[in-house]
Amino acid sequence: MELNLVELPDHEKKIYEQIKKLSNPEKQMLWYLIKKTNIEGIALNPKIEKEMISLIKQEFIVINEIYKGEGFSFFILQKAPYLLRQLKKLGN
């Protein structure tokens, strides 16, 4: 399956272009989190890794402040739900 950029809204295409410019460790971390996301676009991780700090600053991931469980909860690609769905399908 290929990523279908034609179906993405323009602002999500820009986000995809920004993702392509990330360093390899950042891309790997983002890909890891994308594969762990649930249907609501949320992923859990036991700790905040150093690559995540950069992804948070660039708003690819956002800490879920209302989560009270163990570890940390993150919204993944919150501003690009269609892109997230396509990337998640690619990972399966």
PDB file of N, CA and C in Angstrom:
ATOM      1  N   MET A   1       0.841  -1.183   0.000  1.00  0.00           N
ATOM      2  CA  MET A   1       0.000   0.000   0.000  1.00  0.00           C
ATOM      3  C   MET A   1       0.887   1.248   0.000  1.00  0.00           C
ATOM      4  N   GLU A   2       0.540   2.178  -0.804  1.00  0.00           N
ATOM      5  CA  GLU A   2       1.273   3.445  -0.898  1.00  0.00           C
ATOM      6  C   GLU A   2       0.536   4.540  -0.147  1.00  0.00           C
ATOM      7  N   LEU A   3       1.278   5.531   0.291  1.00  0.00           N
ATOM      8  CA  LEU A   3       0.683   6.710   0.910  1.00  0.00           C
ATOM      9  C   LEU A   3       0.032   7.532  -0.189  1.00  0.00           C
ATOM     10  N   ASN A   4      -1.241   7.852  -0.038  1.00  0.00           N
ATOM     11  CA  ASN A   4      -1.976   8.595  -1.061  1.00  0.00           C
ATOM     12  C   ASN A   4      -2.065  10.062  -0.649  1.00  0.00           C
ATOM     13  N   LEU A   5      -1.112  10.861  -1.128  1.00  0.00           N
ATOM     14  CA  LEU A   5      -1.066  12.276  -0.769  1.00  0.00           C
ATOM     15  C   LEU A   5      -2.198  13.075  -1.409  1.00  0.00           C
ATOM     16  N   VAL A   6      -2.735  12.592  -2.505  1.00  0.00           N
ATOM     17  CA  VAL A   6      -3.797  13.312  -3.212  1.00  0.00           C
ATOM     18  C   VAL A   6      -5.024  13.484  -2.321  1.00  0.00           C
ATOM     19  N   GLU A   7      -5.309  12.494  -1.501  1.00  0.00           N
ATOM     20  CA  GLU A   7      -6.498  12.528  -0.655  1.00  0.00           C
ATOM     21  C   GLU A   7      -6.319  13.374   0.608  1.00  0.00           C
ATOM     22  N   LEU A   8      -5.092  13.775   0.901  1.00  0.00           N
ATOM     23  CA  LEU A   8      -4.837  14.544   2.124  1.00  0.00           C
ATOM     24  C   LEU A   8      -5.168  16.021   1.946  1.00  0.00           C
ATOM     25  N   PRO A   9      -5.706  16.656   2.997  1.00  0.00           N
ATOM     26  CA  PRO A   9      -5.870  18.121   2.951  1.00  0.00           C
ATOM     27  C   PRO A   9      -4.493  18.787   2.834  1.00  0.00           C
ATOM     28  N   ASP A  10      -4.455  19.973   2.281  1.00  0.00           N
ATOM     29  CA  ASP A  10      -3.180  20.664   2.040  1.00  0.00           C
ATOM     30  C   ASP A  10      -2.342  20.830   3.299  1.00  0.00           C
ATOM     31  N   HIS A  11      -2.972  21.193   4.425  1.00  0.00           N
ATOM     32  CA  HIS A  11      -2.178  21.390   5.640  1.00  0.00           C
ATOM     33  C   HIS A  11      -1.551  20.081   6.124  1.00  0.00           C
ATOM     34  N   GLU A  12      -2.187  18.952   5.833  1.00  0.00           N
ATOM     35  CA  GLU A  12      -1.609  17.666   6.218  1.00  0.00           C
ATOM     36  C   GLU A  12      -0.468  17.263   5.285  1.00  0.00           C
ATOM     37  N   LYS A  13      -0.534  17.682   4.030  1.00  0.00           N
ATOM     38  CA  LYS A  13       0.586  17.451   3.108  1.00  0.00           C
ATOM     39  C   LYS A  13       1.827  18.185   3.606  1.00  0.00           C
ATOM     40  N   LYS A  14       1.625  19.399   4.138  1.00  0.00           N
ATOM     41  CA  LYS A  14       2.751  20.172   4.683  1.00  0.00           C
ATOM     42  C   LYS A  14       3.344  19.471   5.902  1.00  0.00           C
ATOM     43  N   ILE A  15       2.493  18.903   6.725  1.00  0.00           N
ATOM     44  CA  ILE A  15       2.971  18.164   7.893  1.00  0.00           C
ATOM     45  C   ILE A  15       3.786  16.955   7.444  1.00  0.00           C
ATOM     46  N   TYR A  16       3.314  16.271   6.411  1.00  0.00           N
ATOM     47  CA  TYR A  16       4.052  15.123   5.885  1.00  0.00           C
ATOM     48  C   TYR A  16       5.432  15.550   5.374  1.00  0.00           C
ATOM     49  N   GLU A  17       5.489  16.682   4.708  1.00  0.00           N
ATOM     50  CA  GLU A  17       6.783  17.194   4.226  1.00  0.00           C
ATOM     51  C   GLU A  17       7.713  17.500   5.403  1.00  0.00           C
ATOM     52  N   GLN A  18       7.164  18.016   6.494  1.00  0.00           N
ATOM     53  CA  GLN A  18       7.977  18.282   7.694  1.00  0.00           C
ATOM     54  C   GLN A  18       8.482  16.975   8.305  1.00  0.00           C
ATOM     55  N   ILE A  19       7.643  15.953   8.301  1.00  0.00           N
ATOM     56  CA  ILE A  19       8.041  14.645   8.848  1.00  0.00           C
ATOM     57  C   ILE A  19       9.225  14.095   8.062  1.00  0.00           C
ATOM     58  N   LYS A  20       9.195  14.254   6.751  1.00  0.00           N
ATOM     59  CA  LYS A  20      10.284  13.731   5.913  1.00  0.00           C
ATOM     60  C   LYS A  20      11.617  14.390   6.238  1.00  0.00           C
ATOM     61  N   LYS A  21      11.594  15.581   6.833  1.00  0.00           N
ATOM     62  CA  LYS A  21      12.826  16.307   7.163  1.00  0.00           C
ATOM     63  C   LYS A  21      13.368  15.968   8.554  1.00  0.00           C
ATOM     64  N   LEU A  22      12.657  15.156   9.318  1.00  0.00           N
ATOM     65  CA  LEU A  22      13.126  14.786  10.656  1.00  0.00           C
ATOM     66  C   LEU A  22      14.388  13.938  10.574  1.00  0.00           C
ATOM     67  N   SER A  23      15.143  13.927  11.652  1.00  0.00           N
ATOM     68  CA  SER A  23      16.310  13.040  11.719  1.00  0.00           C
ATOM     69  C   SER A  23      15.825  11.592  11.788  1.00  0.00           C
ATOM     70  N   ASN A  24      16.691  10.647  11.458  1.00  0.00           N
ATOM     71  CA  ASN A  24      16.291   9.238  11.477  1.00  0.00           C
ATOM     72  C   ASN A  24      15.801   8.784  12.851  1.00  0.00           C
ATOM     73  N   PRO A  25      16.486   9.130  13.964  1.00  0.00           N
ATOM     74  CA  PRO A  25      15.966   8.715  15.275  1.00  0.00           C
ATOM     75  C   PRO A  25      14.584   9.304  15.574  1.00  0.00           C
ATOM     76  N   GLU A  26      14.329  10.541  15.140  1.00  0.00           N
ATOM     77  CA  GLU A  26      13.011  11.151  15.342  1.00  0.00           C
ATOM     78  C   GLU A  26      11.952  10.430  14.509  1.00  0.00           C
ATOM     79  N   LYS A  27      12.296  10.113  13.247  1.00  0.00           N
ATOM     80  CA  LYS A  27      11.360   9.382  12.387  1.00  0.00           C
ATOM     81  C   LYS A  27      11.042   8.013  12.982  1.00  0.00           C
ATOM     82  N   GLN A  28      12.075   7.339  13.489  1.00  0.00           N
ATOM     83  CA  GLN A  28      11.862   6.014  14.077  1.00  0.00           C
ATOM     84  C   GLN A  28      10.953   6.094  15.291  1.00  0.00           C
ATOM     85  N   MET A  29      11.147   7.100  16.123  1.00  0.00           N
ATOM     86  CA  MET A  29      10.308   7.260  17.307  1.00  0.00           C
ATOM     87  C   MET A  29       8.866   7.571  16.906  1.00  0.00           C
ATOM     88  N   LEU A  30       8.699   8.471  15.938  1.00  0.00           N
ATOM     89  CA  LEU A  30       7.355   8.820  15.483  1.00  0.00           C
ATOM     90  C   LEU A  30       6.675   7.585  14.889  1.00  0.00           C
ATOM     91  N   TRP A  31       7.404   6.823  14.099  1.00  0.00           N
ATOM     92  CA  TRP A  31       6.843   5.612  13.493  1.00  0.00           C
ATOM     93  C   TRP A  31       6.446   4.611  14.563  1.00  0.00           C
ATOM     94  N   TYR A  32       7.284   4.448  15.589  1.00  0.00           N
ATOM     95  CA  TYR A  32       6.989   3.561  16.714  1.00  0.00           C
ATOM     96  C   TYR A  32       5.687   3.984  17.397  1.00  0.00           C
ATOM     97  N   LEU A  33       5.529   5.288  17.634  1.00  0.00           N
ATOM     98  CA  LEU A  33       4.330   5.795  18.293  1.00  0.00           C
ATOM     99  C   LEU A  33       3.095   5.659  17.395  1.00  0.00           C
ATOM    100  N   ILE A  34       3.274   5.893  16.099  1.00  0.00           N
ATOM    101  CA  ILE A  34       2.147   5.734  15.161  1.00  0.00           C
ATOM    102  C   ILE A  34       1.629   4.303  15.208  1.00  0.00           C
ATOM    103  N   LYS A  35       2.538   3.340  15.220  1.00  0.00           N
ATOM    104  CA  LYS A  35       2.127   1.940  15.252  1.00  0.00           C
ATOM    105  C   LYS A  35       1.424   1.582  16.557  1.00  0.00           C
ATOM    106  N   LYS A  36       1.740   2.304  17.640  1.00  0.00           N
ATOM    107  CA  LYS A  36       1.121   2.034  18.942  1.00  0.00           C
ATOM    108  C   LYS A  36      -0.194   2.787  19.161  1.00  0.00           C
ATOM    109  N   THR A  37      -0.557   3.684  18.255  1.00  0.00           N
ATOM    110  CA  THR A  37      -1.756   4.493  18.487  1.00  0.00           C
ATOM    111  C   THR A  37      -3.020   3.649  18.465  1.00  0.00           C
ATOM    112  N   ASN A  38      -3.975   4.085  19.277  1.00  0.00           N
ATOM    113  CA  ASN A  38      -5.289   3.447  19.254  1.00  0.00           C
ATOM    114  C   ASN A  38      -6.161   4.183  18.237  1.00  0.00           C
ATOM    115  N   ILE A  39      -7.416   3.825  18.183  1.00  0.00           N
ATOM    116  CA  ILE A  39      -8.329   4.408  17.185  1.00  0.00           C
ATOM    117  C   ILE A  39      -8.530   5.913  17.394  1.00  0.00           C
ATOM    118  N   GLU A  40      -8.287   6.391  18.612  1.00  0.00           N
ATOM    119  CA  GLU A  40      -8.444   7.817  18.914  1.00  0.00           C
ATOM    120  C   GLU A  40      -7.160   8.621  18.683  1.00  0.00           C
ATOM    121  N   GLY A  41      -6.122   7.963  18.169  1.00  0.00           N
ATOM    122  CA  GLY A  41      -4.875   8.660  17.887  1.00  0.00           C
ATOM    123  C   GLY A  41      -4.015   8.887  19.120  1.00  0.00           C
ATOM    124  N   ILE A  42      -4.177   8.022  20.132  1.00  0.00           N
ATOM    125  CA  ILE A  42      -3.432   8.151  21.377  1.00  0.00           C
ATOM    126  C   ILE A  42      -2.491   6.962  21.527  1.00  0.00           C
ATOM    127  N   ALA A  43      -1.258   7.252  21.969  1.00  0.00           N
ATOM    128  CA  ALA A  43      -0.286   6.196  22.235  1.00  0.00           C
ATOM    129  C   ALA A  43       0.253   6.360  23.647  1.00  0.00           C
ATOM    130  N   LEU A  44       0.533   5.245  24.292  1.00  0.00           N
ATOM    131  CA  LEU A  44       1.115   5.255  25.634  1.00  0.00           C
ATOM    132  C   LEU A  44       2.575   4.852  25.552  1.00  0.00           C
ATOM    133  N   ASN A  45       3.382   5.444  26.414  1.00  0.00           N
ATOM    134  CA  ASN A  45       4.788   5.084  26.512  1.00  0.00           C
ATOM    135  C   ASN A  45       5.199   5.236  27.973  1.00  0.00           C
ATOM    136  N   PRO A  46       6.053   4.337  28.469  1.00  0.00           N
ATOM    137  CA  PRO A  46       6.407   4.405  29.885  1.00  0.00           C
ATOM    138  C   PRO A  46       7.190   5.654  30.290  1.00  0.00           C
ATOM    139  N   LYS A  47       7.941   6.238  29.354  1.00  0.00           N
ATOM    140  CA  LYS A  47       8.706   7.450  29.683  1.00  0.00           C
ATOM    141  C   LYS A  47       8.824   8.347  28.459  1.00  0.00           C
ATOM    142  N   ILE A  48       9.296   9.548  28.685  1.00  0.00           N
ATOM    143  CA  ILE A  48       9.525  10.480  27.579  1.00  0.00           C
ATOM    144  C   ILE A  48      10.970  10.311  27.123  1.00  0.00           C
ATOM    145  N   GLU A  49      11.140   9.802  25.929  1.00  0.00           N
ATOM    146  CA  GLU A  49      12.468   9.600  25.342  1.00  0.00           C
ATOM    147  C   GLU A  49      12.995  10.928  24.804  1.00  0.00           C
ATOM    148  N   LYS A  50      14.312  11.021  24.610  1.00  0.00           N
ATOM    149  CA  LYS A  50      14.884  12.297  24.149  1.00  0.00           C
ATOM    150  C   LYS A  50      14.369  12.690  22.766  1.00  0.00           C
ATOM    151  N   GLU A  51      14.105  11.716  21.892  1.00  0.00           N
ATOM    152  CA  GLU A  51      13.579  12.027  20.562  1.00  0.00           C
ATOM    153  C   GLU A  51      12.165  12.608  20.650  1.00  0.00           C
ATOM    154  N   MET A  52      11.441  12.225  21.689  1.00  0.00           N
ATOM    155  CA  MET A  52      10.081  12.715  21.866  1.00  0.00           C
ATOM    156  C   MET A  52      10.060  14.214  22.176  1.00  0.00           C
ATOM    157  N   ILE A  53      11.070  14.691  22.864  1.00  0.00           N
ATOM    158  CA  ILE A  53      11.115  16.119  23.223  1.00  0.00           C
ATOM    159  C   ILE A  53      11.086  16.971  21.960  1.00  0.00           C
ATOM    160  N   SER A  54      11.878  16.593  20.970  1.00  0.00           N
ATOM    161  CA  SER A  54      11.891  17.317  19.697  1.00  0.00           C
ATOM    162  C   SER A  54      10.539  17.201  18.995  1.00  0.00           C
ATOM    163  N   LEU A  55       9.943  16.012  19.029  1.00  0.00           N
ATOM    164  CA  LEU A  55       8.640  15.807  18.386  1.00  0.00           C
ATOM    165  C   LEU A  55       7.548  16.618  19.079  1.00  0.00           C
ATOM    166  N   ILE A  56       7.670  16.781  20.389  1.00  0.00           N
ATOM    167  CA  ILE A  56       6.724  17.608  21.143  1.00  0.00           C
ATOM    168  C   ILE A  56       6.885  19.072  20.752  1.00  0.00           C
ATOM    169  N   LYS A  57       8.129  19.534  20.679  1.00  0.00           N
ATOM    170  CA  LYS A  57       8.384  20.931  20.307  1.00  0.00           C
ATOM    171  C   LYS A  57       7.849  21.257  18.920  1.00  0.00           C
ATOM    172  N   GLN A  58       7.910  20.274  18.018  1.00  0.00           N
ATOM    173  CA  GLN A  58       7.428  20.479  16.649  1.00  0.00           C
ATOM    174  C   GLN A  58       5.939  20.133  16.493  1.00  0.00           C
ATOM    175  N   GLU A  59       5.313  19.756  17.594  1.00  0.00           N
ATOM    176  CA  GLU A  59       3.874  19.451  17.658  1.00  0.00           C
ATOM    177  C   GLU A  59       3.448  18.232  16.829  1.00  0.00           C
ATOM    178  N   PHE A  60       4.366  17.297  16.606  1.00  0.00           N
ATOM    179  CA  PHE A  60       3.975  16.033  15.983  1.00  0.00           C
ATOM    180  C   PHE A  60       3.295  15.149  17.021  1.00  0.00           C
ATOM    181  N   ILE A  61       3.726  15.301  18.279  1.00  0.00           N
ATOM    182  CA  ILE A  61       3.058  14.618  19.380  1.00  0.00           C
ATOM    183  C   ILE A  61       2.769  15.649  20.470  1.00  0.00           C
ATOM    184  N   VAL A  62       1.689  15.394  21.214  1.00  0.00           N
ATOM    185  CA  VAL A  62       1.267  16.301  22.282  1.00  0.00           C
ATOM    186  C   VAL A  62       0.980  15.458  23.511  1.00  0.00           C
ATOM    187  N   ILE A  63       1.514  15.860  24.662  1.00  0.00           N
ATOM    188  CA  ILE A  63       1.249  15.124  25.899  1.00  0.00           C
ATOM    189  C   ILE A  63      -0.221  15.269  26.273  1.00  0.00           C
ATOM    190  N   ASN A  64      -0.833  14.150  26.601  1.00  0.00           N
ATOM    191  CA  ASN A  64      -2.218  14.124  27.049  1.00  0.00           C
ATOM    192  C   ASN A  64      -2.220  14.434  28.553  1.00  0.00           C
ATOM    193  N   GLU A  65      -2.496  15.675  28.875  1.00  0.00           N
ATOM    194  CA  GLU A  65      -2.405  16.156  30.257  1.00  0.00           C
ATOM    195  C   GLU A  65      -3.438  15.519  31.187  1.00  0.00           C
ATOM    196  N   ILE A  66      -4.545  15.048  30.661  1.00  0.00           N
ATOM    197  CA  ILE A  66      -5.586  14.510  31.545  1.00  0.00           C
ATOM    198  C   ILE A  66      -5.392  13.028  31.865  1.00  0.00           C
ATOM    199  N   TYR A  67      -4.414  12.394  31.233  1.00  0.00           N
ATOM    200  CA  TYR A  67      -4.133  10.977  31.494  1.00  0.00           C
ATOM    201  C   TYR A  67      -3.552  10.811  32.888  1.00  0.00           C
ATOM    202  N   LYS A  68      -4.106   9.886  33.661  1.00  0.00           N
ATOM    203  CA  LYS A  68      -3.656   9.683  35.039  1.00  0.00           C
ATOM    204  C   LYS A  68      -3.086   8.283  35.278  1.00  0.00           C
ATOM    205  N   GLY A  69      -2.911   7.492  34.232  1.00  0.00           N
ATOM    206  CA  GLY A  69      -2.397   6.132  34.388  1.00  0.00           C
ATOM    207  C   GLY A  69      -0.882   6.099  34.491  1.00  0.00           C
ATOM    208  N   GLU A  70      -0.325   4.910  34.362  1.00  0.00           N
ATOM    209  CA  GLU A  70       1.128   4.744  34.410  1.00  0.00           C
ATOM    210  C   GLU A  70       1.754   5.224  33.108  1.00  0.00           C
ATOM    211  N   GLY A  71       2.935   5.780  33.216  1.00  0.00           N
ATOM    212  CA  GLY A  71       3.641   6.261  32.041  1.00  0.00           C
ATOM    213  C   GLY A  71       3.038   7.550  31.504  1.00  0.00           C
ATOM    214  N   PHE A  72       3.163   7.723  30.204  1.00  0.00           N
ATOM    215  CA  PHE A  72       2.711   8.959  29.558  1.00  0.00           C
ATOM    216  C   PHE A  72       1.795   8.616  28.392  1.00  0.00           C
ATOM    217  N   SER A  73       0.842   9.488  28.165  1.00  0.00           N
ATOM    218  CA  SER A  73      -0.094   9.364  27.056  1.00  0.00           C
ATOM    219  C   SER A  73       0.149  10.527  26.103  1.00  0.00           C
ATOM    220  N   PHE A  74       0.161  10.219  24.803  1.00  0.00           N
ATOM    221  CA  PHE A  74       0.437  11.227  23.788  1.00  0.00           C
ATOM    222  C   PHE A  74      -0.627  11.194  22.695  1.00  0.00           C
ATOM    223  N   PHE A  75      -1.015  12.376  22.247  1.00  0.00           N
ATOM    224  CA  PHE A  75      -1.810  12.492  21.026  1.00  0.00           C
ATOM    225  C   PHE A  75      -0.805  12.505  19.879  1.00  0.00           C
ATOM    226  N   ILE A  76      -1.001  11.653  18.895  1.00  0.00           N
ATOM    227  CA  ILE A  76      -0.058  11.510  17.788  1.00  0.00           C
ATOM    228  C   ILE A  76      -0.653  12.173  16.546  1.00  0.00           C
ATOM    229  N   LEU A  77       0.124  13.061  15.936  1.00  0.00           N
ATOM    230  CA  LEU A  77      -0.289  13.781  14.731  1.00  0.00           C
ATOM    231  C   LEU A  77      -1.714  14.327  14.876  1.00  0.00           C
ATOM    232  N   GLN A  78      -1.944  15.009  15.980  1.00  0.00           N
ATOM    233  CA  GLN A  78      -3.267  15.538  16.306  1.00  0.00           C
ATOM    234  C   GLN A  78      -3.796  16.476  15.222  1.00  0.00           C
ATOM    235  N   LYS A  79      -2.899  17.196  14.554  1.00  0.00           N
ATOM    236  CA  LYS A  79      -3.313  18.147  13.519  1.00  0.00           C
ATOM    237  C   LYS A  79      -3.420  17.509  12.140  1.00  0.00           C
ATOM    238  N   ALA A  80      -3.157  16.199  12.072  1.00  0.00           N
ATOM    239  CA  ALA A  80      -3.185  15.502  10.780  1.00  0.00           C
ATOM    240  C   ALA A  80      -3.840  14.125  10.915  1.00  0.00           C
ATOM    241  N   PRO A  81      -5.122  14.082  11.237  1.00  0.00           N
ATOM    242  CA  PRO A  81      -5.772  12.783  11.466  1.00  0.00           C
ATOM    243  C   PRO A  81      -5.832  11.879  10.231  1.00  0.00           C
ATOM    244  N   TYR A  82      -5.984  12.464   9.048  1.00  0.00           N
ATOM    245  CA  TYR A  82      -6.041  11.640   7.833  1.00  0.00           C
ATOM    246  C   TYR A  82      -4.670  11.046   7.523  1.00  0.00           C
ATOM    247  N   LEU A  83      -3.630  11.834   7.712  1.00  0.00           N
ATOM    248  CA  LEU A  83      -2.268  11.349   7.520  1.00  0.00           C
ATOM    249  C   LEU A  83      -1.978  10.233   8.520  1.00  0.00           C
ATOM    250  N   LEU A  84      -2.358  10.421   9.764  1.00  0.00           N
ATOM    251  CA  LEU A  84      -2.150   9.391  10.785  1.00  0.00           C
ATOM    252  C   LEU A  84      -2.824   8.087  10.371  1.00  0.00           C
ATOM    253  N   ARG A  85      -4.064   8.169   9.903  1.00  0.00           N
ATOM    254  CA  ARG A  85      -4.788   6.970   9.487  1.00  0.00           C
ATOM    255  C   ARG A  85      -4.065   6.239   8.355  1.00  0.00           C
ATOM    256  N   GLN A  86      -3.584   7.012   7.376  1.00  0.00           N
ATOM    257  CA  GLN A  86      -2.880   6.392   6.249  1.00  0.00           C
ATOM    258  C   GLN A  86      -1.569   5.757   6.701  1.00  0.00           C
ATOM    259  N   LEU A  87      -0.821   6.459   7.550  1.00  0.00           N
ATOM    260  CA  LEU A  87       0.450   5.906   8.027  1.00  0.00           C
ATOM    261  C   LEU A  87       0.227   4.669   8.887  1.00  0.00           C
ATOM    262  N   LYS A  88      -0.816   4.696   9.683  1.00  0.00           N
ATOM    263  CA  LYS A  88      -1.130   3.540  10.533  1.00  0.00           C
ATOM    264  C   LYS A  88      -1.454   2.317   9.659  1.00  0.00           C
ATOM    265  N   LYS A  89      -2.199   2.520   8.571  1.00  0.00           N
ATOM    266  CA  LYS A  89      -2.506   1.416   7.661  1.00  0.00           C
ATOM    267  C   LYS A  89      -1.236   0.858   7.024  1.00  0.00           C
ATOM    268  N   LEU A  90      -0.297   1.752   6.700  1.00  0.00           N
ATOM    269  CA  LEU A  90       0.972   1.304   6.111  1.00  0.00           C
ATOM    270  C   LEU A  90       1.745   0.432   7.078  1.00  0.00           C
ATOM    271  N   GLY A  91       1.625   0.699   8.362  1.00  0.00           N
ATOM    272  CA  GLY A  91       2.374  -0.035   9.376  1.00  0.00           C
ATOM    273  C   GLY A  91       1.797  -1.398   9.699  1.00  0.00           C
ATOM    274  N   ASN A  92       0.598  -1.683   9.255  1.00  0.00           N
ATOM    275  CA  ASN A  92      -0.023  -2.977   9.547  1.00  0.00           C
ATOM    276  C   ASN A  92       0.286  -4.006   8.505  1.00  0.00           C
TER     277      ASN A  92
END
